[in-house]
Protein backbone atom coordinates (compact mmCIF):
# COMPACT_ATOMS: atom_id res chain seq x y z
CA UNK A 1 0.00 0.00 0.00
CA UNK A 2 2.89 2.37 0.73
CA UNK A 3 4.18 1.73 -2.78
CA UNK A 4 0.85 2.67 -4.35
CA UNK A 5 0.54 5.79 -2.21
CA UNK A 6 4.07 6.82 -3.20
CA UNK A 7 3.32 6.11 -6.86
CA UNK A 8 0.16 8.23 -6.77
CA UNK A 9 2.04 11.04 -5.03
CA UNK A 10 4.77 10.84 -7.70
CA UNK A 11 2.11 10.97 -10.42
CA UNK A 12 0.47 14.05 -8.92
CA UNK A 13 3.82 15.77 -8.43
CA UNK A 14 4.93 15.04 -12.00
CA UNK A 15 1.53 16.04 -13.40
CA UNK A 16 1.58 19.29 -11.43
CA UNK A 17 5.06 20.20 -12.67
CA UNK A 18 4.14 19.33 -16.25
CA UNK A 19 0.98 21.43 -16.21
CA UNK A 20 2.72 24.36 -14.53
CA UNK A 21 5.53 24.23 -17.09
CA UNK A 22 2.98 24.07 -19.91
CA UNK A 23 1.08 27.01 -18.50
CA UNK A 24 4.24 29.05 -18.06
CA UNK A 25 5.29 28.49 -21.67
CA UNK A 26 1.86 29.27 -23.09
CA UNK A 27 2.29 32.99 -22.52
CA UNK A 28 -1.24 34.21 -21.90
CA UNK A 29 -2.69 30.94 -20.54
CA UNK A 30 -2.14 30.29 -16.86
CA UNK A 31 -2.91 26.78 -15.64
CA UNK A 32 -3.13 26.32 -11.87
CA UNK A 33 -3.29 23.00 -9.99
CA UNK A 34 -5.24 23.25 -6.73
CA UNK A 35 -5.66 20.86 -3.80
CA UNK A 36 -3.91 17.75 -5.19
CA UNK A 37 -4.21 14.65 -3.00
CA UNK A 38 -4.12 10.89 -3.41
CA UNK A 39 -5.96 8.01 -1.78
CA UNK A 40 -4.20 4.65 -1.78
CA UNK A 41 -6.17 1.52 -2.53
CA UNK A 42 -7.16 -0.85 0.25
CA UNK A 43 -6.26 -4.00 -1.67
CA UNK A 44 -3.97 -4.62 -4.62
CA UNK A 45 -6.91 -5.38 -6.88
CA UNK A 46 -8.67 -2.12 -5.99
CA UNK A 47 -7.72 1.09 -7.80
CA UNK A 48 -6.10 4.02 -6.07
CA UNK A 49 -7.31 7.53 -6.72
CA UNK A 50 -5.80 10.97 -7.11
CA UNK A 51 -7.80 14.18 -7.01
CA UNK A 52 -6.97 17.73 -8.06
CA UNK A 53 -8.55 20.82 -9.50
CA UNK A 54 -7.17 22.24 -12.73
CA UNK A 55 -8.05 25.90 -13.21
CA UNK A 56 -7.33 28.10 -16.23
CA UNK A 57 -6.91 31.65 -14.97
CA UNK A 58 -5.71 32.99 -18.31
CA UNK A 59 -7.61 34.50 -21.20
CA UNK A 60 -6.88 31.71 -23.73
CA UNK A 61 -8.72 28.38 -23.76
CA UNK A 62 -6.73 25.22 -23.13
CA UNK A 63 -7.53 21.50 -23.08
CA UNK A 64 -6.19 18.48 -21.23
CA UNK A 65 -5.82 15.89 -23.98
CA UNK A 66 -4.12 12.94 -22.32
CA UNK A 67 -3.01 11.60 -18.94
CA UNK A 68 -0.54 8.75 -18.45
CA UNK A 69 1.40 7.38 -15.51
CA UNK A 70 4.25 4.88 -15.28
CA UNK A 71 2.85 3.96 -11.84
CA UNK A 72 -0.49 2.68 -13.17
CA UNK A 73 -1.58 0.34 -15.92
CA UNK A 74 -4.58 2.54 -16.64
CA UNK A 75 -5.30 6.18 -15.86
CA UNK A 76 -8.80 7.64 -16.16
CA UNK A 77 -10.01 11.23 -16.01
CA UNK A 78 -13.38 12.09 -14.49
CA UNK A 79 -14.78 15.60 -14.51
CA UNK A 80 -17.00 17.11 -11.84
CA UNK A 81 -18.63 20.49 -12.21
CA UNK A 82 -20.33 22.49 -9.50
CA UNK A 83 -23.65 24.06 -10.48
CA UNK A 84 -25.72 25.93 -7.92
CA UNK A 85 -23.53 24.56 -5.13
CA UNK A 86 -24.00 20.91 -6.15
CA UNK A 87 -21.29 18.76 -7.76
PDB file of N, CA and C in Angstrom:
ATOM      1  N   UNK A   1       0.825  -1.189   0.000  1.00  0.00           N
ATOM      2  CA  UNK A   1       0.000   0.000   0.000  1.00  0.00           C
ATOM      3  C   UNK A   1       0.871   1.255   0.000  1.00  0.00           C
ATOM      4  N   UNK A   2       1.997   1.221   0.726  1.00  0.00           N
ATOM      5  CA  UNK A   2       2.892   2.372   0.725  1.00  0.00           C
ATOM      6  C   UNK A   2       3.394   2.656  -0.680  1.00  0.00           C
ATOM      7  N   UNK A   3       3.680   1.579  -1.424  1.00  0.00           N
ATOM      8  CA  UNK A   3       4.178   1.730  -2.784  1.00  0.00           C
ATOM      9  C   UNK A   3       3.153   2.427  -3.671  1.00  0.00           C
ATOM     10  N   UNK A   4       1.895   2.049  -3.554  1.00  0.00           N
ATOM     11  CA  UNK A   4       0.850   2.675  -4.354  1.00  0.00           C
ATOM     12  C   UNK A   4       0.665   4.136  -3.968  1.00  0.00           C
ATOM     13  N   UNK A   5       0.692   4.414  -2.678  1.00  0.00           N
ATOM     14  CA  UNK A   5       0.539   5.794  -2.214  1.00  0.00           C
ATOM     15  C   UNK A   5       1.686   6.652  -2.743  1.00  0.00           C
ATOM     16  N   UNK A   6       2.910   6.108  -2.689  1.00  0.00           N
ATOM     17  CA  UNK A   6       4.073   6.821  -3.197  1.00  0.00           C
ATOM     18  C   UNK A   6       3.953   7.018  -4.703  1.00  0.00           C
ATOM     19  N   UNK A   7       3.487   5.998  -5.414  1.00  0.00           N
ATOM     20  CA  UNK A   7       3.317   6.106  -6.861  1.00  0.00           C
ATOM     21  C   UNK A   7       2.293   7.173  -7.218  1.00  0.00           C
ATOM     22  N   UNK A   8       1.180   7.213  -6.502  1.00  0.00           N
ATOM     23  CA  UNK A   8       0.163   8.232  -6.766  1.00  0.00           C
ATOM     24  C   UNK A   8       0.686   9.627  -6.454  1.00  0.00           C
ATOM     25  N   UNK A   9       1.451   9.744  -5.364  1.00  0.00           N
ATOM     26  CA  UNK A   9       2.039  11.037  -5.033  1.00  0.00           C
ATOM     27  C   UNK A   9       2.997  11.467  -6.139  1.00  0.00           C
ATOM     28  N   UNK A  10       3.822  10.529  -6.623  1.00  0.00           N
ATOM     29  CA  UNK A  10       4.772  10.840  -7.696  1.00  0.00           C
ATOM     30  C   UNK A  10       4.027  11.272  -8.956  1.00  0.00           C
ATOM     31  N   UNK A  11       2.911  10.599  -9.260  1.00  0.00           N
ATOM     32  CA  UNK A  11       2.110  10.965 -10.424  1.00  0.00           C
ATOM     33  C   UNK A  11       1.574  12.388 -10.287  1.00  0.00           C
ATOM     34  N   UNK A  12       1.016  12.702  -9.131  1.00  0.00           N
ATOM     35  CA  UNK A  12       0.466  14.047  -8.924  1.00  0.00           C
ATOM     36  C   UNK A  12       1.568  15.095  -9.007  1.00  0.00           C
ATOM     37  N   UNK A  13       2.711  14.818  -8.394  1.00  0.00           N
ATOM     38  CA  UNK A  13       3.825  15.766  -8.428  1.00  0.00           C
ATOM     39  C   UNK A  13       4.293  15.996  -9.863  1.00  0.00           C
ATOM     40  N   UNK A  14       4.475  14.920 -10.615  1.00  0.00           N
ATOM     41  CA  UNK A  14       4.928  15.043 -12.003  1.00  0.00           C
ATOM     42  C   UNK A  14       3.883  15.759 -12.852  1.00  0.00           C
ATOM     43  N   UNK A  15       2.614  15.419 -12.655  1.00  0.00           N
ATOM     44  CA  UNK A  15       1.532  16.045 -13.403  1.00  0.00           C
ATOM     45  C   UNK A  15       1.466  17.541 -13.105  1.00  0.00           C
ATOM     46  N   UNK A  16       1.609  17.886 -11.837  1.00  0.00           N
ATOM     47  CA  UNK A  16       1.578  19.292 -11.434  1.00  0.00           C
ATOM     48  C   UNK A  16       2.708  20.071 -12.086  1.00  0.00           C
ATOM     49  N   UNK A  17       3.914  19.520 -12.047  1.00  0.00           N
ATOM     50  CA  UNK A  17       5.056  20.196 -12.667  1.00  0.00           C
ATOM     51  C   UNK A  17       4.867  20.335 -14.170  1.00  0.00           C
ATOM     52  N   UNK A  18       4.361  19.295 -14.813  1.00  0.00           N
ATOM     53  CA  UNK A  18       4.138  19.333 -16.250  1.00  0.00           C
ATOM     54  C   UNK A  18       3.124  20.399 -16.622  1.00  0.00           C
ATOM     55  N   UNK A  19       2.019  20.445 -15.917  1.00  0.00           N
ATOM     56  CA  UNK A  19       0.978  21.432 -16.210  1.00  0.00           C
ATOM     57  C   UNK A  19       1.481  22.845 -15.938  1.00  0.00           C
ATOM     58  N   UNK A  20       2.206  23.031 -14.839  1.00  0.00           N
ATOM     59  CA  UNK A  20       2.724  24.361 -14.530  1.00  0.00           C
ATOM     60  C   UNK A  20       3.722  24.806 -15.581  1.00  0.00           C
ATOM     61  N   UNK A  21       4.569  23.892 -16.038  1.00  0.00           N
ATOM     62  CA  UNK A  21       5.530  24.235 -17.085  1.00  0.00           C
ATOM     63  C   UNK A  21       4.803  24.570 -18.379  1.00  0.00           C
ATOM     64  N   UNK A  22       3.774  23.815 -18.709  1.00  0.00           N
ATOM     65  CA  UNK A  22       2.983  24.066 -19.912  1.00  0.00           C
ATOM     66  C   UNK A  22       2.302  25.420 -19.826  1.00  0.00           C
ATOM     67  N   UNK A  23       1.741  25.726 -18.679  1.00  0.00           N
ATOM     68  CA  UNK A  23       1.075  27.009 -18.502  1.00  0.00           C
ATOM     69  C   UNK A  23       2.048  28.171 -18.589  1.00  0.00           C
ATOM     70  N   UNK A  24       3.243  27.986 -18.040  1.00  0.00           N
ATOM     71  CA  UNK A  24       4.242  29.046 -18.060  1.00  0.00           C
ATOM     72  C   UNK A  24       4.714  29.324 -19.472  1.00  0.00           C
ATOM     73  N   UNK A  25       4.790  28.292 -20.318  1.00  0.00           N
ATOM     74  CA  UNK A  25       5.289  28.491 -21.670  1.00  0.00           C
ATOM     75  C   UNK A  25       4.193  28.946 -22.630  1.00  0.00           C
ATOM     76  N   UNK A  26       2.961  28.918 -22.212  1.00  0.00           N
ATOM     77  CA  UNK A  26       1.859  29.270 -23.095  1.00  0.00           C
ATOM     78  C   UNK A  26       1.645  30.771 -23.193  1.00  0.00           C
ATOM     79  N   UNK A  27       2.417  31.544 -22.449  1.00  0.00           N
ATOM     80  CA  UNK A  27       2.289  32.987 -22.518  1.00  0.00           C
ATOM     81  C   UNK A  27       1.070  33.482 -21.778  1.00  0.00           C
ATOM     82  N   UNK A  28      -0.039  33.642 -22.476  1.00  0.00           N
ATOM     83  CA  UNK A  28      -1.239  34.214 -21.897  1.00  0.00           C
ATOM     84  C   UNK A  28      -2.013  33.230 -21.020  1.00  0.00           C
ATOM     85  N   UNK A  29      -1.943  31.940 -21.326  1.00  0.00           N
ATOM     86  CA  UNK A  29      -2.688  30.945 -20.545  1.00  0.00           C
ATOM     87  C   UNK A  29      -1.970  30.668 -19.234  1.00  0.00           C
ATOM     88  N   UNK A  30      -2.707  30.575 -18.174  1.00  0.00           N
ATOM     89  CA  UNK A  30      -2.136  30.286 -16.863  1.00  0.00           C
ATOM     90  C   UNK A  30      -2.916  29.138 -16.244  1.00  0.00           C
ATOM     91  N   UNK A  31      -2.277  27.971 -16.188  1.00  0.00           N
ATOM     92  CA  UNK A  31      -2.910  26.778 -15.645  1.00  0.00           C
ATOM     93  C   UNK A  31      -2.464  26.606 -14.201  1.00  0.00           C
ATOM     94  N   UNK A  32      -3.418  26.445 -13.296  1.00  0.00           N
ATOM     95  CA  UNK A  32      -3.129  26.315 -11.871  1.00  0.00           C
ATOM     96  C   UNK A  32      -3.681  24.980 -11.378  1.00  0.00           C
ATOM     97  N   UNK A  33      -2.862  24.252 -10.615  1.00  0.00           N
ATOM     98  CA  UNK A  33      -3.289  23.005  -9.987  1.00  0.00           C
ATOM     99  C   UNK A  33      -3.610  23.315  -8.532  1.00  0.00           C
ATOM    100  N   UNK A  34      -4.814  22.960  -8.093  1.00  0.00           N
ATOM    101  CA  UNK A  34      -5.239  23.248  -6.726  1.00  0.00           C
ATOM    102  C   UNK A  34      -5.605  21.966  -5.986  1.00  0.00           C
ATOM    103  N   UNK A  35      -5.282  21.917  -4.732  1.00  0.00           N
ATOM    104  CA  UNK A  35      -5.664  20.856  -3.795  1.00  0.00           C
ATOM    105  C   UNK A  35      -5.394  19.437  -4.300  1.00  0.00           C
ATOM    106  N   UNK A  36      -4.173  19.129  -4.772  1.00  0.00           N
ATOM    107  CA  UNK A  36      -3.913  17.748  -5.185  1.00  0.00           C
ATOM    108  C   UNK A  36      -3.776  16.826  -3.981  1.00  0.00           C
ATOM    109  N   UNK A  37      -4.377  15.656  -4.049  1.00  0.00           N
ATOM    110  CA  UNK A  37      -4.208  14.650  -2.999  1.00  0.00           C
ATOM    111  C   UNK A  37      -4.498  13.271  -3.582  1.00  0.00           C
ATOM    112  N   UNK A  38      -3.959  12.254  -2.924  1.00  0.00           N
ATOM    113  CA  UNK A  38      -4.116  10.886  -3.413  1.00  0.00           C
ATOM    114  C   UNK A  38      -4.636   9.991  -2.307  1.00  0.00           C
ATOM    115  N   UNK A  39      -5.443   9.023  -2.702  1.00  0.00           N
ATOM    116  CA  UNK A  39      -5.961   8.011  -1.781  1.00  0.00           C
ATOM    117  C   UNK A  39      -5.449   6.665  -2.270  1.00  0.00           C
ATOM    118  N   UNK A  40      -4.717   5.971  -1.420  1.00  0.00           N
ATOM    119  CA  UNK A  40      -4.201   4.653  -1.781  1.00  0.00           C
ATOM    120  C   UNK A  40      -5.330   3.632  -1.764  1.00  0.00           C
ATOM    121  N   UNK A  41      -5.154   2.573  -2.521  1.00  0.00           N
ATOM    122  CA  UNK A  41      -6.170   1.523  -2.533  1.00  0.00           C
ATOM    123  C   UNK A  41      -6.050   0.659  -1.288  1.00  0.00           C
ATOM    124  N   UNK A  42      -7.139   0.017  -0.922  1.00  0.00           N
ATOM    125  CA  UNK A  42      -7.158  -0.850   0.253  1.00  0.00           C
ATOM    126  C   UNK A  42      -6.500  -2.187  -0.077  1.00  0.00           C
ATOM    127  N   UNK A  43      -6.806  -2.720  -1.232  1.00  0.00           N
ATOM    128  CA  UNK A  43      -6.259  -4.003  -1.667  1.00  0.00           C
ATOM    129  C   UNK A  43      -5.541  -3.809  -2.997  1.00  0.00           C
ATOM    130  N   UNK A  44      -4.689  -4.753  -3.360  1.00  0.00           N
ATOM    131  CA  UNK A  44      -3.966  -4.625  -4.620  1.00  0.00           C
ATOM    132  C   UNK A  44      -4.891  -4.624  -5.826  1.00  0.00           C
ATOM    133  N   UNK A  45      -5.999  -5.310  -5.742  1.00  0.00           N
ATOM    134  CA  UNK A  45      -6.910  -5.378  -6.883  1.00  0.00           C
ATOM    135  C   UNK A  45      -7.827  -4.158  -6.983  1.00  0.00           C
ATOM    136  N   UNK A  46      -7.832  -3.318  -5.975  1.00  0.00           N
ATOM    137  CA  UNK A  46      -8.669  -2.116  -5.987  1.00  0.00           C
ATOM    138  C   UNK A  46      -7.859  -0.933  -6.510  1.00  0.00           C
ATOM    139  N   UNK A  47      -8.471  -0.055  -7.273  1.00  0.00           N
ATOM    140  CA  UNK A  47      -7.722   1.090  -7.797  1.00  0.00           C
ATOM    141  C   UNK A  47      -7.458   2.142  -6.725  1.00  0.00           C
ATOM    142  N   UNK A  48      -6.372   2.844  -6.889  1.00  0.00           N
ATOM    143  CA  UNK A  48      -6.104   4.018  -6.071  1.00  0.00           C
ATOM    144  C   UNK A  48      -6.794   5.203  -6.730  1.00  0.00           C
ATOM    145  N   UNK A  49      -6.683   6.350  -6.133  1.00  0.00           N
ATOM    146  CA  UNK A  49      -7.313   7.530  -6.719  1.00  0.00           C
ATOM    147  C   UNK A  49      -6.499   8.765  -6.382  1.00  0.00           C
ATOM    148  N   UNK A  50      -6.459   9.685  -7.316  1.00  0.00           N
ATOM    149  CA  UNK A  50      -5.802  10.970  -7.108  1.00  0.00           C
ATOM    150  C   UNK A  50      -6.791  12.055  -7.524  1.00  0.00           C
ATOM    151  N   UNK A  51      -6.836  13.111  -6.770  1.00  0.00           N
ATOM    152  CA  UNK A  51      -7.795  14.181  -7.015  1.00  0.00           C
ATOM    153  C   UNK A  51      -7.056  15.509  -7.094  1.00  0.00           C
ATOM    154  N   UNK A  52      -7.523  16.389  -7.957  1.00  0.00           N
ATOM    155  CA  UNK A  52      -6.967  17.725  -8.061  1.00  0.00           C
ATOM    156  C   UNK A  52      -7.937  18.586  -8.848  1.00  0.00           C
ATOM    157  N   UNK A  53      -7.777  19.875  -8.721  1.00  0.00           N
ATOM    158  CA  UNK A  53      -8.554  20.823  -9.502  1.00  0.00           C
ATOM    159  C   UNK A  53      -7.602  21.514 -10.452  1.00  0.00           C
ATOM    160  N   UNK A  54      -7.956  21.543 -11.720  1.00  0.00           N
ATOM    161  CA  UNK A  54      -7.168  22.245 -12.732  1.00  0.00           C
ATOM    162  C   UNK A  54      -7.960  23.484 -13.111  1.00  0.00           C
ATOM    163  N   UNK A  55      -7.345  24.651 -12.937  1.00  0.00           N
ATOM    164  CA  UNK A  55      -8.049  25.905 -13.211  1.00  0.00           C
ATOM    165  C   UNK A  55      -7.255  26.730 -14.229  1.00  0.00           C
ATOM    166  N   UNK A  56      -7.933  27.219 -15.241  1.00  0.00           N
ATOM    167  CA  UNK A  56      -7.325  28.099 -16.234  1.00  0.00           C
ATOM    168  C   UNK A  56      -7.672  29.528 -15.849  1.00  0.00           C
ATOM    169  N   UNK A  57      -6.680  30.272 -15.381  1.00  0.00           N
ATOM    170  CA  UNK A  57      -6.910  31.654 -14.966  1.00  0.00           C
ATOM    171  C   UNK A  57      -6.520  32.644 -16.054  1.00  0.00           C
ATOM    172  N   UNK A  58      -6.122  32.133 -17.205  1.00  0.00           N
ATOM    173  CA  UNK A  58      -5.715  32.993 -18.313  1.00  0.00           C
ATOM    174  C   UNK A  58      -6.887  33.381 -19.191  1.00  0.00           C
ATOM    175  N   UNK A  59      -6.577  34.045 -20.275  1.00  0.00           N
ATOM    176  CA  UNK A  59      -7.612  34.501 -21.205  1.00  0.00           C
ATOM    177  C   UNK A  59      -7.765  33.576 -22.402  1.00  0.00           C
ATOM    178  N   UNK A  60      -6.811  32.658 -22.609  1.00  0.00           N
ATOM    179  CA  UNK A  60      -6.882  31.715 -23.726  1.00  0.00           C
ATOM    180  C   UNK A  60      -7.415  30.369 -23.245  1.00  0.00           C
ATOM    181  N   UNK A  61      -8.216  29.723 -24.075  1.00  0.00           N
ATOM    182  CA  UNK A  61      -8.717  28.385 -23.759  1.00  0.00           C
ATOM    183  C   UNK A  61      -7.587  27.373 -23.853  1.00  0.00           C
ATOM    184  N   UNK A  62      -7.698  26.307 -23.094  1.00  0.00           N
ATOM    185  CA  UNK A  62      -6.726  25.223 -23.128  1.00  0.00           C
ATOM    186  C   UNK A  62      -7.479  23.929 -22.884  1.00  0.00           C
ATOM    187  N   UNK A  63      -6.881  22.792 -23.273  1.00  0.00           N
ATOM    188  CA  UNK A  63      -7.535  21.497 -23.078  1.00  0.00           C
ATOM    189  C   UNK A  63      -6.527  20.491 -22.543  1.00  0.00           C
ATOM    190  N   UNK A  64      -6.985  19.615 -21.688  1.00  0.00           N
ATOM    191  CA  UNK A  64      -6.194  18.479 -21.227  1.00  0.00           C
ATOM    192  C   UNK A  64      -6.539  17.329 -22.165  1.00  0.00           C
ATOM    193  N   UNK A  65      -5.559  16.884 -22.951  1.00  0.00           N
ATOM    194  CA  UNK A  65      -5.824  15.887 -23.977  1.00  0.00           C
ATOM    195  C   UNK A  65      -5.512  14.460 -23.553  1.00  0.00           C
ATOM    196  N   UNK A  66      -4.559  14.293 -22.634  1.00  0.00           N
ATOM    197  CA  UNK A  66      -4.119  12.939 -22.315  1.00  0.00           C
ATOM    198  C   UNK A  66      -3.470  12.912 -20.944  1.00  0.00           C
ATOM    199  N   UNK A  67      -3.664  11.810 -20.228  1.00  0.00           N
ATOM    200  CA  UNK A  67      -3.005  11.597 -18.941  1.00  0.00           C
ATOM    201  C   UNK A  67      -2.438  10.188 -18.948  1.00  0.00           C
ATOM    202  N   UNK A  68      -1.171  10.059 -18.583  1.00  0.00           N
ATOM    203  CA  UNK A  68      -0.537   8.746 -18.452  1.00  0.00           C
ATOM    204  C   UNK A  68       0.267   8.722 -17.165  1.00  0.00           C
ATOM    205  N   UNK A  69       0.577   7.529 -16.703  1.00  0.00           N
ATOM    206  CA  UNK A  69       1.397   7.378 -15.507  1.00  0.00           C
ATOM    207  C   UNK A  69       2.171   6.072 -15.592  1.00  0.00           C
ATOM    208  N   UNK A  70       3.488   6.113 -15.323  1.00  0.00           N
ATOM    209  CA  UNK A  70       4.253   4.876 -15.275  1.00  0.00           C
ATOM    210  C   UNK A  70       3.898   4.045 -14.038  1.00  0.00           C
ATOM    211  N   UNK A  71       3.197   4.644 -13.092  1.00  0.00           N
ATOM    212  CA  UNK A  71       2.848   3.962 -11.845  1.00  0.00           C
ATOM    213  C   UNK A  71       1.545   3.175 -11.948  1.00  0.00           C
ATOM    214  N   UNK A  72       0.811   3.345 -13.051  1.00  0.00           N
ATOM    215  CA  UNK A  72      -0.487   2.676 -13.165  1.00  0.00           C
ATOM    216  C   UNK A  72      -0.661   2.089 -14.560  1.00  0.00           C
ATOM    217  N   UNK A  73      -1.300   0.953 -14.633  1.00  0.00           N
ATOM    218  CA  UNK A  73      -1.579   0.336 -15.921  1.00  0.00           C
ATOM    219  C   UNK A  73      -2.634   1.101 -16.705  1.00  0.00           C
ATOM    220  N   UNK A  74      -3.521   1.781 -16.003  1.00  0.00           N
ATOM    221  CA  UNK A  74      -4.580   2.542 -16.639  1.00  0.00           C
ATOM    222  C   UNK A  74      -4.847   3.802 -15.817  1.00  0.00           C
ATOM    223  N   UNK A  75      -4.987   4.916 -16.507  1.00  0.00           N
ATOM    224  CA  UNK A  75      -5.303   6.185 -15.859  1.00  0.00           C
ATOM    225  C   UNK A  75      -6.586   6.704 -16.493  1.00  0.00           C
ATOM    226  N   UNK A  76      -7.531   7.118 -15.664  1.00  0.00           N
ATOM    227  CA  UNK A  76      -8.802   7.638 -16.157  1.00  0.00           C
ATOM    228  C   UNK A  76      -9.012   9.048 -15.620  1.00  0.00           C
ATOM    229  N   UNK A  77      -9.671   9.864 -16.418  1.00  0.00           N
ATOM    230  CA  UNK A  77     -10.007  11.227 -16.012  1.00  0.00           C
ATOM    231  C   UNK A  77     -11.520  11.304 -15.846  1.00  0.00           C
ATOM    232  N   UNK A  78     -11.952  11.850 -14.735  1.00  0.00           N
ATOM    233  CA  UNK A  78     -13.376  12.086 -14.493  1.00  0.00           C
ATOM    234  C   UNK A  78     -13.539  13.563 -14.173  1.00  0.00           C
ATOM    235  N   UNK A  79     -14.540  14.182 -14.727  1.00  0.00           N
ATOM    236  CA  UNK A  79     -14.776  15.603 -14.513  1.00  0.00           C
ATOM    237  C   UNK A  79     -15.996  15.802 -13.629  1.00  0.00           C
ATOM    238  N   UNK A  80     -15.869  16.703 -12.678  1.00  0.00           N
ATOM    239  CA  UNK A  80     -16.998  17.110 -11.842  1.00  0.00           C
ATOM    240  C   UNK A  80     -17.147  18.614 -11.964  1.00  0.00           C
ATOM    241  N   UNK A  81     -18.354  19.062 -12.151  1.00  0.00           N
ATOM    242  CA  UNK A  81     -18.627  20.492 -12.214  1.00  0.00           C
ATOM    243  C   UNK A  81     -19.600  20.840 -11.105  1.00  0.00           C
ATOM    244  N   UNK A  82     -19.431  22.012 -10.541  1.00  0.00           N
ATOM    245  CA  UNK A  82     -20.329  22.494  -9.502  1.00  0.00           C
ATOM    246  C   UNK A  82     -21.318  23.461 -10.153  1.00  0.00           C
ATOM    247  N   UNK A  83     -22.605  23.189  -9.977  1.00  0.00           N
ATOM    248  CA  UNK A  83     -23.653  24.063 -10.481  1.00  0.00           C
ATOM    249  C   UNK A  83     -24.638  24.310  -9.347  1.00  0.00           C
ATOM    250  N   UNK A  84     -24.835  25.552  -9.014  1.00  0.00           N
ATOM    251  CA  UNK A  84     -25.724  25.934  -7.915  1.00  0.00           C
ATOM    252  C   UNK A  84     -25.340  25.259  -6.605  1.00  0.00           C
ATOM    253  N   UNK A  85     -24.026  25.129  -6.375  1.00  0.00           N
ATOM    254  CA  UNK A  85     -23.528  24.562  -5.129  1.00  0.00           C
ATOM    255  C   UNK A  85     -23.558  23.048  -5.047  1.00  0.00           C
ATOM    256  N   UNK A  86     -23.928  22.369  -6.138  1.00  0.00           N
ATOM    257  CA  UNK A  86     -24.002  20.907  -6.149  1.00  0.00           C
ATOM    258  C   UNK A  86     -23.044  20.366  -7.202  1.00  0.00           C
ATOM    259  N   UNK A  87     -22.230  19.361  -6.800  1.00  0.00           N
ATOM    260  CA  UNK A  87     -21.286  18.761  -7.756  1.00  0.00           C
ATOM    261  C   UNK A  87     -21.913  17.571  -8.424  1.00  0.00           C
TER     262      UNK A  87
END
